[in-house]
Protein backbone atom coordinates (compact mmCIF):
# COMPACT_ATOMS: atom_id res chain seq x y z
CA UNK A 1 -9.33 28.74 -23.71
CA UNK A 2 -12.47 29.70 -21.87
CA UNK A 3 -12.24 30.57 -18.17
CA UNK A 4 -14.79 30.75 -15.36
CA UNK A 5 -14.71 32.00 -11.82
CA UNK A 6 -14.04 29.35 -9.19
CA UNK A 7 -17.06 29.77 -6.95
CA UNK A 8 -16.93 33.23 -5.41
CA UNK A 9 -13.15 33.34 -5.07
CA UNK A 10 -12.43 35.77 -7.90
CA UNK A 11 -10.00 33.21 -9.33
CA UNK A 12 -10.41 32.35 -13.01
CA UNK A 13 -9.96 28.69 -13.94
CA UNK A 14 -9.92 27.06 -17.35
CA UNK A 15 -13.09 25.14 -18.20
CA UNK A 16 -10.86 22.16 -18.99
CA UNK A 17 -8.38 21.03 -16.36
CA UNK A 18 -5.49 18.59 -16.31
CA UNK A 19 -5.97 15.50 -14.17
CA UNK A 20 -2.57 14.07 -13.29
CA UNK A 21 -3.55 10.48 -12.46
CA UNK A 22 -1.64 9.39 -15.57
CA UNK A 23 1.62 10.46 -13.95
CA UNK A 24 0.95 7.89 -11.25
CA UNK A 25 -0.12 5.31 -13.85
CA UNK A 26 -3.24 4.89 -11.75
CA UNK A 27 -5.59 3.49 -14.37
CA UNK A 28 -3.18 2.10 -16.96
CA UNK A 29 0.49 2.13 -17.86
CA UNK A 30 1.64 5.17 -19.79
CA UNK A 31 4.93 6.48 -21.11
CA UNK A 32 6.03 8.76 -18.27
CA UNK A 33 7.81 11.19 -20.59
CA UNK A 34 4.67 11.52 -22.71
CA UNK A 35 2.57 12.09 -19.59
CA UNK A 36 4.97 14.78 -18.40
CA UNK A 37 4.96 16.38 -21.85
CA UNK A 38 1.15 16.39 -21.72
CA UNK A 39 1.32 18.71 -18.70
CA UNK A 40 3.35 21.22 -20.71
CA UNK A 41 1.01 20.94 -23.69
CA UNK A 42 -1.98 21.50 -21.40
CA UNK A 43 -0.42 24.66 -19.97
CA UNK A 44 0.54 25.86 -23.46
CA UNK A 45 -3.09 25.38 -24.53
CA UNK A 46 -4.26 27.63 -21.71
CA UNK A 47 -5.29 25.09 -19.09
CA UNK A 48 -4.43 26.52 -15.71
CA UNK A 49 -6.01 24.02 -13.30
CA UNK A 50 -4.06 20.88 -12.39
CA UNK A 51 -5.44 18.17 -10.12
CA UNK A 52 -3.66 15.23 -8.53
CA UNK A 53 -3.86 12.99 -5.47
CA UNK A 54 -1.50 11.12 -3.14
CA UNK A 55 -3.58 8.06 -4.08
CA UNK A 56 -2.49 8.20 -7.74
CA UNK A 57 0.46 5.87 -7.97
CA UNK A 58 0.70 6.01 -4.17
CA UNK A 59 2.41 9.40 -4.37
CA UNK A 60 4.16 8.99 -7.72
CA UNK A 61 1.78 11.36 -9.51
CA UNK A 62 2.62 14.15 -7.08
CA UNK A 63 6.37 13.50 -7.32
CA UNK A 64 6.44 13.47 -11.13
CA UNK A 65 4.08 16.43 -11.37
CA UNK A 66 6.43 18.37 -9.09
CA UNK A 67 9.36 17.50 -11.36
CA UNK A 68 7.33 18.45 -14.43
CA UNK A 69 6.29 21.82 -13.02
CA UNK A 70 9.79 22.74 -11.87
CA UNK A 71 10.85 25.95 -13.58
CA UNK A 72 7.32 26.93 -14.61
CA UNK A 73 6.25 30.18 -12.94
CA UNK A 74 3.84 29.39 -10.09
CA UNK A 75 1.36 32.01 -11.28
CA UNK A 76 0.81 30.07 -14.53
CA UNK A 77 -1.22 27.34 -12.88
CA UNK A 78 -3.57 26.50 -10.03
CA UNK A 79 -2.59 23.32 -8.25
CA UNK A 80 -4.68 21.08 -6.07
CA UNK A 81 -4.57 17.66 -4.56
CA UNK A 82 -6.74 15.48 -2.38
CA UNK A 83 -6.58 13.89 1.03
CA UNK A 84 -8.32 11.05 2.80
CA UNK A 85 -7.68 8.06 0.53
CA UNK A 86 -4.18 6.64 0.37
CA UNK A 87 -4.63 3.12 -0.99
CA UNK A 88 -7.40 0.78 -2.03
CA UNK A 89 -9.62 0.61 1.03
CA UNK A 90 -7.27 2.77 3.13
CA UNK A 91 -8.91 5.97 4.30
CA UNK A 92 -7.63 8.27 7.03
CA UNK A 93 -9.37 11.56 7.72
CA UNK A 94 -7.86 12.10 11.18
CA UNK A 95 -6.58 15.58 12.02
CA UNK A 96 -3.04 14.21 12.34
CA UNK A 97 -3.17 12.62 8.89
CA UNK A 98 -4.68 15.78 7.34
CA UNK A 99 -1.65 17.82 8.43
CA UNK A 100 0.82 15.10 7.41
CA UNK A 101 -0.86 14.57 4.04
CA UNK A 102 -0.77 18.24 3.11
CA UNK A 103 2.86 18.63 4.21
CA UNK A 104 3.92 15.52 2.27
CA UNK A 105 2.01 16.66 -0.82
CA UNK A 106 3.67 20.09 -0.67
CA UNK A 107 7.07 18.39 -0.47
CA UNK A 108 6.36 15.98 -3.32
CA UNK A 109 5.00 18.76 -5.53
CA UNK A 110 7.85 21.12 -4.66
CA UNK A 111 5.58 24.05 -3.85
CA UNK A 112 4.96 26.25 -0.80
CA UNK A 113 1.19 26.22 -1.05
CA UNK A 114 -1.72 24.48 -2.74
CA UNK A 115 -4.41 26.46 -4.46
CA UNK A 116 -6.97 23.95 -3.22
CA UNK A 117 -7.27 20.77 -1.23
CA UNK A 118 -10.16 18.36 -1.72
CA UNK A 119 -11.39 16.30 1.16
CA UNK A 120 -12.13 13.38 -1.17
CA UNK A 121 -14.11 10.13 -0.92
CA UNK A 122 -15.84 11.25 2.27
CA UNK A 123 -18.69 8.81 1.72
CA UNK A 124 -16.46 5.95 2.93
CA UNK A 125 -16.13 7.26 6.49
CA UNK A 126 -18.31 8.56 9.30
CA UNK A 127 -19.51 12.05 8.38
CA UNK A 128 -19.15 13.24 11.97
CA UNK A 129 -15.38 12.76 11.69
CA UNK A 130 -15.30 14.92 8.55
CA UNK A 131 -17.26 17.72 10.22
CA UNK A 132 -15.71 17.57 13.69
CA UNK A 133 -12.09 16.64 12.94
CA UNK A 134 -11.10 16.75 9.27
CA UNK A 135 -12.46 20.13 8.19
CA UNK A 136 -11.24 21.97 11.32
CA UNK A 137 -7.74 20.51 10.75
CA UNK A 138 -7.80 21.66 7.12
CA UNK A 139 -8.87 25.14 8.23
CA UNK A 140 -5.85 25.35 10.57
CA UNK A 141 -3.53 24.42 7.69
CA UNK A 142 -5.31 26.99 5.54
CA UNK A 143 -4.69 29.66 8.20
CA UNK A 144 -0.97 28.81 7.97
CA UNK A 145 -1.04 29.72 4.28
CA UNK A 146 -0.40 26.22 2.99
CA UNK A 147 -3.81 25.97 1.28
CA UNK A 148 -5.84 28.72 -0.35
CA UNK A 149 -9.20 27.00 -0.87
CA UNK A 150 -10.92 23.96 0.60
CA UNK A 151 -13.34 21.65 -1.15
CA UNK A 152 -15.20 18.42 -0.49
CA UNK A 153 -15.81 15.79 -3.15
CA UNK A 154 -17.12 12.28 -3.43
CA UNK A 155 -19.56 10.02 -5.15
CA UNK A 156 -23.20 11.08 -5.25
């Protein structure tokens, strides 16, 4: 597996990552056991970056990913999730929801920290809220050690 540095963090990530939307059956029905096995195969192949979202299966992806990763040493993978979108057309980027979302994701995933959090689908809300409320709230959570890195993503 080929690895590259994640920005200027010094962290090496695999050039291919595992997207865990299948565990939430977000885009189509899948055999859950096969989807969970796919996580193990991905790690065995050298992938070390795993991405999920509370939106995928309305939390089910995070729950099943947490079950799947149980017993795997935490230093074998980098784990990230998203915040902001929770259902079709339901977006909440408030500071209160940022904190709740990260805490709930940590619980579902069964980990003490996330390697990254993506403030995702920001184009659906007022950008001033992202800058003035969402990002400062994420930074506070980051200072508590619950998140290592912060990112922003959305449609072009």
